[in-house]
Protein backbone atom coordinates (compact mmCIF):
# COMPACT_ATOMS: atom_id res chain seq x y z
CA UNK A 1 0.00 0.00 0.00
CA UNK A 2 1.28 3.48 -0.90
CA UNK A 3 -0.27 6.78 0.14
CA UNK A 4 0.53 9.90 -1.89
CA UNK A 5 0.13 13.59 -1.09
CA UNK A 6 1.00 16.29 -3.61
CA UNK A 7 1.97 19.86 -2.85
CA UNK A 8 3.58 22.84 -4.54
CA UNK A 9 0.90 23.87 -6.99
CA UNK A 10 -0.21 27.45 -7.42
CA UNK A 11 -0.58 30.41 -9.74
CA UNK A 12 2.41 31.49 -11.83
CA UNK A 13 2.95 33.68 -14.85
CA UNK A 14 3.96 32.24 -18.19
CA UNK A 15 7.68 31.61 -18.27
CA UNK A 16 7.82 31.00 -14.55
CA UNK A 17 8.65 27.89 -12.56
CA UNK A 18 7.05 25.65 -9.97
CA UNK A 19 8.26 22.58 -8.15
CA UNK A 20 5.70 19.94 -7.29
CA UNK A 21 6.34 17.48 -4.51
CA UNK A 22 4.73 14.13 -3.81
CA UNK A 23 5.19 12.71 -0.33
CA UNK A 24 4.77 8.98 -0.17
CA UNK A 25 4.25 6.56 2.65
CA UNK A 26 4.11 2.82 2.55
CA UNK A 27 6.40 -0.12 2.37
CA UNK A 28 6.58 -0.47 -1.41
CA UNK A 29 7.57 3.07 -2.39
CA UNK A 30 11.17 2.18 -3.16
CA UNK A 31 10.02 -0.55 -5.57
CA UNK A 32 7.43 1.56 -7.33
CA UNK A 33 7.37 3.29 -10.67
CA UNK A 34 6.31 6.88 -10.00
CA UNK A 35 4.45 9.04 -12.46
CA UNK A 36 3.02 12.51 -12.83
CA UNK A 37 -0.18 13.01 -14.77
CA UNK A 38 -2.32 16.07 -15.35
CA UNK A 39 -5.89 16.81 -16.23
CA UNK A 40 -7.04 20.11 -17.63
CA UNK A 41 -10.65 21.14 -17.28
CA UNK A 42 -12.79 19.32 -19.81
CA UNK A 43 -9.94 17.12 -21.01
CA UNK A 44 -8.71 13.60 -20.47
CA UNK A 45 -6.00 12.87 -17.93
CA UNK A 46 -2.64 12.78 -19.67
CA UNK A 47 0.82 11.50 -18.92
CA UNK A 48 3.48 14.04 -17.98
CA UNK A 49 6.52 12.15 -16.69
CA UNK A 50 7.61 8.93 -15.01
CA UNK A 51 10.64 7.68 -13.14
CA UNK A 52 11.81 4.18 -12.34
CA UNK A 53 12.53 2.84 -8.89
CA UNK A 54 16.26 3.50 -9.19
CA UNK A 55 15.84 6.97 -10.64
CA UNK A 56 17.82 6.02 -13.74
CA UNK A 57 14.88 5.51 -16.08
CA UNK A 58 12.83 8.60 -16.87
CA UNK A 59 10.29 9.37 -19.53
CA UNK A 60 8.56 12.60 -20.52
CA UNK A 61 5.63 13.62 -22.64
CA UNK A 62 6.76 15.47 -25.75
CA UNK A 63 4.86 18.54 -24.60
CA UNK A 64 7.04 18.95 -21.49
CA UNK A 65 10.36 17.53 -22.64
CA UNK A 66 13.19 19.94 -21.97
CA UNK A 67 11.09 22.01 -19.57
CA UNK A 68 10.10 19.57 -16.83
CA UNK A 69 12.34 17.31 -14.74
CA UNK A 70 11.18 14.40 -12.61
CA UNK A 71 13.29 13.15 -9.72
CA UNK A 72 12.91 11.06 -6.61
CA UNK A 73 14.50 10.88 -3.19
CA UNK A 74 14.09 7.36 -1.85
CA UNK A 75 15.38 8.27 1.62
CA UNK A 76 12.77 11.03 1.90
CA UNK A 77 10.16 8.92 0.12
CA UNK A 78 9.35 11.75 -2.22
CA UNK A 79 9.02 12.46 -5.90
CA UNK A 80 9.42 15.87 -7.46
CA UNK A 81 8.46 17.57 -10.69
CA UNK A 82 10.46 20.69 -11.50
CA UNK A 83 8.52 22.71 -14.05
CA UNK A 84 10.29 25.51 -15.89
CA UNK A 85 9.26 27.79 -18.74
CA UNK A 86 5.63 27.20 -17.89
CA UNK A 87 2.98 27.90 -20.50
CA UNK A 88 -0.75 28.58 -20.14
CA UNK A 89 -1.42 25.18 -21.68
CA UNK A 90 0.31 23.58 -18.68
CA UNK A 91 -2.65 24.67 -16.54
CA UNK A 92 -4.20 21.57 -15.00
CA UNK A 93 -4.59 19.53 -11.86
CA UNK A 94 -1.40 17.52 -11.44
CA UNK A 95 -1.53 14.04 -9.94
CA UNK A 96 1.18 11.87 -8.51
CA UNK A 97 0.77 8.14 -9.09
CA UNK A 98 2.56 4.95 -8.16
CA UNK A 99 2.62 1.37 -9.30
CA UNK A 100 4.70 -1.64 -8.37
CA UNK A 101 6.40 -3.71 -11.04
CA UNK A 102 8.58 -3.25 -14.06
CA UNK A 103 9.37 -0.28 -16.26
CA UNK A 104 6.84 -1.18 -18.94
CA UNK A 105 4.72 1.40 -20.70
CA UNK A 106 4.71 3.91 -17.83
CA UNK A 107 2.58 6.36 -19.83
CA UNK A 108 -0.62 4.40 -19.28
CA UNK A 109 -2.56 5.80 -16.34
CA UNK A 110 -4.60 2.59 -16.06
CA UNK A 111 -1.49 0.72 -14.93
CA UNK A 112 -1.04 2.89 -11.83
CA UNK A 113 -2.54 1.57 -8.64
CA UNK A 114 -2.14 4.50 -6.24
CA UNK A 115 -3.02 8.14 -6.76
CA UNK A 116 -2.75 11.37 -4.84
CA UNK A 117 -5.53 13.90 -4.53
CA UNK A 118 -3.99 16.33 -7.01
CA UNK A 119 -2.64 19.86 -6.88
CA UNK A 120 -3.77 22.73 -9.08
CA UNK A 121 -1.29 24.49 -11.34
CA UNK A 122 -2.47 27.64 -13.08
CA UNK A 123 -0.29 29.49 -15.56
CA UNK A 124 -1.45 32.96 -16.57
CA UNK A 125 -0.54 34.54 -19.88
């Protein structure tokens, strides 16, 4: 069982930065694939980034590649999403998610077992 709590969202101007944090608890965190997803109003939830249990494997959506960085701190049981050069189209509720198992197709939200409650990110133009 893994419990996830996101923080760090807020309102920022275009071109600005935010750092999202996801605090995890539970025995299987260190063995879990961790992902960030987002859902804009009226749209489907979409993949943003994922990181493997060792932190070596990472994957990004094309829309955020080069601007966002995912990282994890196993000792602190936390995952982070550094978001730079934010755009209005990045506005969404951002969710942290976790799943046990291998690094296979981490973009699919249906494969994640545990989810946080979400944190709102709003980017003004």
